[in-house]
Amino acid sequence: MKFTMITIAVLAALCTVPAQADISLHHAITGEALDLSFAKKGGNTEVFKQFFTNG
């Protein structure tokens, strides 16, 4: 009985899928992958600050 439980635990551990760190974004209509290499870095713009203070 103990051997069976250990075997099941080992098999379950080996069959798990590792988590993915990369997220690929695709165009909603065409399905092509979006290239975000040219995107601007985020920051606290004036609009953001106004929204953050006023809601």
PDB file of N, CA and C in Angstrom:
ATOM      1  N   MET A   1       0.825  -1.200   0.000  1.00  0.00           N
ATOM      2  CA  MET A   1       0.000   0.000   0.000  1.00  0.00           C
ATOM      3  C   MET A   1       0.868   1.263   0.000  1.00  0.00           C
ATOM      4  N   LYS A   2       1.886   1.269   0.858  1.00  0.00           N
ATOM      5  CA  LYS A   2       2.761   2.427   0.951  1.00  0.00           C
ATOM      6  C   LYS A   2       3.521   2.624  -0.363  1.00  0.00           C
ATOM      7  N   PHE A   3       3.963   1.512  -0.970  1.00  0.00           N
ATOM      8  CA  PHE A   3       4.687   1.577  -2.237  1.00  0.00           C
ATOM      9  C   PHE A   3       3.804   2.175  -3.329  1.00  0.00           C
ATOM     10  N   THR A   4       2.530   1.810  -3.345  1.00  0.00           N
ATOM     11  CA  THR A   4       1.593   2.326  -4.346  1.00  0.00           C
ATOM     12  C   THR A   4       1.411   3.831  -4.190  1.00  0.00           C
ATOM     13  N   MET A   5       1.278   4.278  -2.964  1.00  0.00           N
ATOM     14  CA  MET A   5       1.108   5.718  -2.713  1.00  0.00           C
ATOM     15  C   MET A   5       2.346   6.497  -3.149  1.00  0.00           C
ATOM     16  N   ILE A   6       3.520   5.969  -2.872  1.00  0.00           N
ATOM     17  CA  ILE A   6       4.762   6.641  -3.261  1.00  0.00           C
ATOM     18  C   ILE A   6       4.879   6.667  -4.781  1.00  0.00           C
ATOM     19  N   THR A   7       4.533   5.560  -5.424  1.00  0.00           N
ATOM     20  CA  THR A   7       4.593   5.487  -6.881  1.00  0.00           C
ATOM     21  C   THR A   7       3.656   6.505  -7.519  1.00  0.00           C
ATOM     22  N   ILE A   8       2.453   6.612  -6.992  1.00  0.00           N
ATOM     23  CA  ILE A   8       1.484   7.577  -7.526  1.00  0.00           C
ATOM     24  C   ILE A   8       1.989   9.002  -7.325  1.00  0.00           C
ATOM     25  N   ALA A   9       2.575   9.287  -6.163  1.00  0.00           N
ATOM     26  CA  ALA A   9       3.096  10.629  -5.896  1.00  0.00           C
ATOM     27  C   ALA A   9       4.240  10.973  -6.838  1.00  0.00           C
ATOM     28  N   VAL A  10       5.123  10.019  -7.091  1.00  0.00           N
ATOM     29  CA  VAL A  10       6.254  10.260  -7.990  1.00  0.00           C
ATOM     30  C   VAL A  10       5.763  10.471  -9.420  1.00  0.00           C
ATOM     31  N   LEU A  11       4.831   9.647  -9.872  1.00  0.00           N
ATOM     32  CA  LEU A  11       4.291   9.801 -11.222  1.00  0.00           C
ATOM     33  C   LEU A  11       3.563  11.134 -11.389  1.00  0.00           C
ATOM     34  N   ALA A  12       2.823  11.554 -10.372  1.00  0.00           N
ATOM     35  CA  ALA A  12       2.126  12.837 -10.433  1.00  0.00           C
ATOM     36  C   ALA A  12       3.122  13.992 -10.513  1.00  0.00           C
ATOM     37  N   ALA A  13       4.227  13.891  -9.781  1.00  0.00           N
ATOM     38  CA  ALA A  13       5.241  14.941  -9.804  1.00  0.00           C
ATOM     39  C   ALA A  13       5.931  15.000 -11.168  1.00  0.00           C
ATOM     40  N   LEU A  14       6.129  13.862 -11.798  1.00  0.00           N
ATOM     41  CA  LEU A  14       6.801  13.833 -13.099  1.00  0.00           C
ATOM     42  C   LEU A  14       5.894  14.292 -14.232  1.00  0.00           C
ATOM     43  N   CYS A  15       4.591  14.178 -14.059  1.00  0.00           N
ATOM     44  CA  CYS A  15       3.653  14.511 -15.123  1.00  0.00           C
ATOM     45  C   CYS A  15       3.190  15.960 -15.098  1.00  0.00           C
ATOM     46  N   THR A  16       3.608  16.719 -14.122  1.00  0.00           N
ATOM     47  CA  THR A  16       3.167  18.113 -14.059  1.00  0.00           C
ATOM     48  C   THR A  16       3.857  18.926 -15.140  1.00  0.00           C
ATOM     49  N   VAL A  17       3.150  19.887 -15.667  1.00  0.00           N
ATOM     50  CA  VAL A  17       3.674  20.757 -16.714  1.00  0.00           C
ATOM     51  C   VAL A  17       4.297  21.978 -16.057  1.00  0.00           C
ATOM     52  N   PRO A  18       5.528  22.318 -16.421  1.00  0.00           N
ATOM     53  CA  PRO A  18       6.141  23.510 -15.833  1.00  0.00           C
ATOM     54  C   PRO A  18       5.413  24.780 -16.270  1.00  0.00           C
ATOM     55  N   ALA A  19       5.420  25.782 -15.422  1.00  0.00           N
ATOM     56  CA  ALA A  19       4.743  27.052 -15.719  1.00  0.00           C
ATOM     57  C   ALA A  19       5.478  27.788 -16.821  1.00  0.00           C
ATOM     58  N   GLN A  20       4.719  28.475 -17.655  1.00  0.00           N
ATOM     59  CA  GLN A  20       5.320  29.264 -18.719  1.00  0.00           C
ATOM     60  C   GLN A  20       5.508  30.699 -18.262  1.00  0.00           C
ATOM     61  N   ALA A  21       6.666  31.239 -18.525  1.00  0.00           N
ATOM     62  CA  ALA A  21       6.948  32.620 -18.145  1.00  0.00           C
ATOM     63  C   ALA A  21       6.676  33.585 -19.297  1.00  0.00           C
ATOM     64  N   ASP A  22       6.780  33.097 -20.509  1.00  0.00           N
ATOM     65  CA  ASP A  22       6.576  33.965 -21.672  1.00  0.00           C
ATOM     66  C   ASP A  22       5.098  34.048 -22.023  1.00  0.00           C
ATOM     67  N   ILE A  23       4.651  35.241 -22.288  1.00  0.00           N
ATOM     68  CA  ILE A  23       3.282  35.458 -22.726  1.00  0.00           C
ATOM     69  C   ILE A  23       3.352  36.046 -24.121  1.00  0.00           C
ATOM     70  N   SER A  24       2.705  35.399 -25.065  1.00  0.00           N
ATOM     71  CA  SER A  24       2.687  35.939 -26.419  1.00  0.00           C
ATOM     72  C   SER A  24       1.302  36.511 -26.685  1.00  0.00           C
ATOM     73  N   LEU A  25       1.280  37.751 -27.131  1.00  0.00           N
ATOM     74  CA  LEU A  25       0.031  38.436 -27.430  1.00  0.00           C
ATOM     75  C   LEU A  25      -0.220  38.353 -28.929  1.00  0.00           C
ATOM     76  N   HIS A  26      -1.472  38.108 -29.306  1.00  0.00           N
ATOM     77  CA  HIS A  26      -1.831  37.967 -30.712  1.00  0.00           C
ATOM     78  C   HIS A  26      -2.938  38.946 -31.081  1.00  0.00           C
ATOM     79  N   HIS A  27      -2.909  39.390 -32.325  1.00  0.00           N
ATOM     80  CA  HIS A  27      -3.932  40.281 -32.864  1.00  0.00           C
ATOM     81  C   HIS A  27      -5.276  39.567 -32.813  1.00  0.00           C
ATOM     82  N   ALA A  28      -6.323  40.251 -32.386  1.00  0.00           N
ATOM     83  CA  ALA A  28      -7.632  39.627 -32.191  1.00  0.00           C
ATOM     84  C   ALA A  28      -8.274  39.165 -33.488  1.00  0.00           C
ATOM     85  N   ILE A  29      -8.012  39.844 -34.592  1.00  0.00           N
ATOM     86  CA  ILE A  29      -8.668  39.495 -35.852  1.00  0.00           C
ATOM     87  C   ILE A  29      -7.773  38.622 -36.731  1.00  0.00           C
ATOM     88  N   THR A  30      -6.530  39.043 -36.924  1.00  0.00           N
ATOM     89  CA  THR A  30      -5.656  38.311 -37.842  1.00  0.00           C
ATOM     90  C   THR A  30      -4.937  37.145 -37.172  1.00  0.00           C
ATOM     91  N   GLY A  31      -4.747  37.209 -35.870  1.00  0.00           N
ATOM     92  CA  GLY A  31      -4.074  36.134 -35.159  1.00  0.00           C
ATOM     93  C   GLY A  31      -2.566  36.201 -35.185  1.00  0.00           C
ATOM     94  N   GLU A  32      -2.007  37.223 -35.838  1.00  0.00           N
ATOM     95  CA  GLU A  32      -0.554  37.315 -35.901  1.00  0.00           C
ATOM     96  C   GLU A  32       0.007  37.772 -34.549  1.00  0.00           C
ATOM     97  N   ALA A  33       1.220  37.339 -34.246  1.00  0.00           N
ATOM     98  CA  ALA A  33       1.870  37.700 -32.984  1.00  0.00           C
ATOM     99  C   ALA A  33       2.201  39.189 -32.989  1.00  0.00           C
ATOM    100  N   LEU A  34       1.964  39.858 -31.877  1.00  0.00           N
ATOM    101  CA  LEU A  34       2.241  41.289 -31.779  1.00  0.00           C
ATOM    102  C   LEU A  34       3.696  41.511 -31.382  1.00  0.00           C
ATOM    103  N   ASP A  35       4.353  42.445 -32.048  1.00  0.00           N
ATOM    104  CA  ASP A  35       5.737  42.794 -31.755  1.00  0.00           C
ATOM    105  C   ASP A  35       5.734  44.004 -30.836  1.00  0.00           C
ATOM    106  N   LEU A  36       6.111  43.798 -29.592  1.00  0.00           N
ATOM    107  CA  LEU A  36       6.103  44.889 -28.617  1.00  0.00           C
ATOM    108  C   LEU A  36       7.502  45.436 -28.350  1.00  0.00           C
ATOM    109  N   SER A  37       8.444  45.127 -29.226  1.00  0.00           N
ATOM    110  CA  SER A  37       9.813  45.580 -29.002  1.00  0.00           C
ATOM    111  C   SER A  37       9.943  47.096 -29.141  1.00  0.00           C
ATOM    112  N   PHE A  38       9.035  47.719 -29.877  1.00  0.00           N
ATOM    113  CA  PHE A  38       9.114  49.163 -30.082  1.00  0.00           C
ATOM    114  C   PHE A  38       8.212  49.936 -29.113  1.00  0.00           C
ATOM    115  N   ALA A  39       7.545  49.250 -28.199  1.00  0.00           N
ATOM    116  CA  ALA A  39       6.615  49.896 -27.270  1.00  0.00           C
ATOM    117  C   ALA A  39       7.367  50.796 -26.287  1.00  0.00           C
ATOM    118  N   LYS A  40       6.704  51.880 -25.915  1.00  0.00           N
ATOM    119  CA  LYS A  40       7.298  52.799 -24.957  1.00  0.00           C
ATOM    120  C   LYS A  40       7.251  52.197 -23.558  1.00  0.00           C
ATOM    121  N   LYS A  41       8.214  52.559 -22.745  1.00  0.00           N
ATOM    122  CA  LYS A  41       8.203  52.142 -21.345  1.00  0.00           C
ATOM    123  C   LYS A  41       7.076  52.860 -20.633  1.00  0.00           C
ATOM    124  N   GLY A  42       6.445  52.165 -19.698  1.00  0.00           N
ATOM    125  CA  GLY A  42       5.373  52.777 -18.924  1.00  0.00           C
ATOM    126  C   GLY A  42       5.925  53.813 -17.962  1.00  0.00           C
ATOM    127  N   GLY A  43       5.061  54.615 -17.469  1.00  0.00           N
ATOM    128  CA  GLY A  43       5.504  55.649 -16.540  1.00  0.00           C
ATOM    129  C   GLY A  43       4.315  56.374 -15.969  1.00  0.00           C
ATOM    130  N   ASN A  44       4.581  57.225 -15.048  1.00  0.00           N
ATOM    131  CA  ASN A  44       3.518  58.010 -14.435  1.00  0.00           C
ATOM    132  C   ASN A  44       3.309  59.282 -15.240  1.00  0.00           C
ATOM    133  N   THR A  45       2.431  59.193 -16.217  1.00  0.00           N
ATOM    134  CA  THR A  45       2.116  60.365 -17.024  1.00  0.00           C
ATOM    135  C   THR A  45       1.172  61.266 -16.235  1.00  0.00           C
ATOM    136  N   GLU A  46       0.930  62.452 -16.768  1.00  0.00           N
ATOM    137  CA  GLU A  46       0.024  63.392 -16.102  1.00  0.00           C
ATOM    138  C   GLU A  46      -1.388  62.818 -16.012  1.00  0.00           C
ATOM    139  N   VAL A  47      -1.826  62.138 -17.072  1.00  0.00           N
ATOM    140  CA  VAL A  47      -3.165  61.538 -17.059  1.00  0.00           C
ATOM    141  C   VAL A  47      -3.243  60.460 -15.999  1.00  0.00           C
ATOM    142  N   PHE A  48      -2.188  59.661 -15.874  1.00  0.00           N
ATOM    143  CA  PHE A  48      -2.156  58.617 -14.850  1.00  0.00           C
ATOM    144  C   PHE A  48      -2.221  59.230 -13.458  1.00  0.00           C
ATOM    145  N   LYS A  49      -1.435  60.253 -13.236  1.00  0.00           N
ATOM    146  CA  LYS A  49      -1.428  60.903 -11.922  1.00  0.00           C
ATOM    147  C   LYS A  49      -2.802  61.490 -11.598  1.00  0.00           C
ATOM    148  N   GLN A  50      -3.452  62.090 -12.596  1.00  0.00           N
ATOM    149  CA  GLN A  50      -4.775  62.658 -12.369  1.00  0.00           C
ATOM    150  C   GLN A  50      -5.782  61.549 -12.046  1.00  0.00           C
ATOM    151  N   PHE A  51      -5.735  60.465 -12.783  1.00  0.00           N
ATOM    152  CA  PHE A  51      -6.643  59.350 -12.516  1.00  0.00           C
ATOM    153  C   PHE A  51      -6.372  58.740 -11.146  1.00  0.00           C
ATOM    154  N   PHE A  52      -5.105  58.625 -10.801  1.00  0.00           N
ATOM    155  CA  PHE A  52      -4.742  58.030  -9.517  1.00  0.00           C
ATOM    156  C   PHE A  52      -5.222  58.872  -8.346  1.00  0.00           C
ATOM    157  N   THR A  53      -5.195  60.212  -8.493  1.00  0.00           N
ATOM    158  CA  THR A  53      -5.638  61.071  -7.395  1.00  0.00           C
ATOM    159  C   THR A  53      -7.147  61.258  -7.372  1.00  0.00           C
ATOM    160  N   ASN A  54      -7.774  61.378  -8.547  1.00  0.00           N
ATOM    161  CA  ASN A  54      -9.209  61.663  -8.602  1.00  0.00           C
ATOM    162  C   ASN A  54     -10.081  60.438  -8.826  1.00  0.00           C
ATOM    163  N   GLY A  55      -9.506  59.395  -9.383  1.00  0.00           N
ATOM    164  CA  GLY A  55     -10.293  58.166  -9.621  1.00  0.00           C
ATOM    165  C   GLY A  55     -11.046  58.155 -10.863  1.00  0.00           C
TER     166      GLY A  55
END
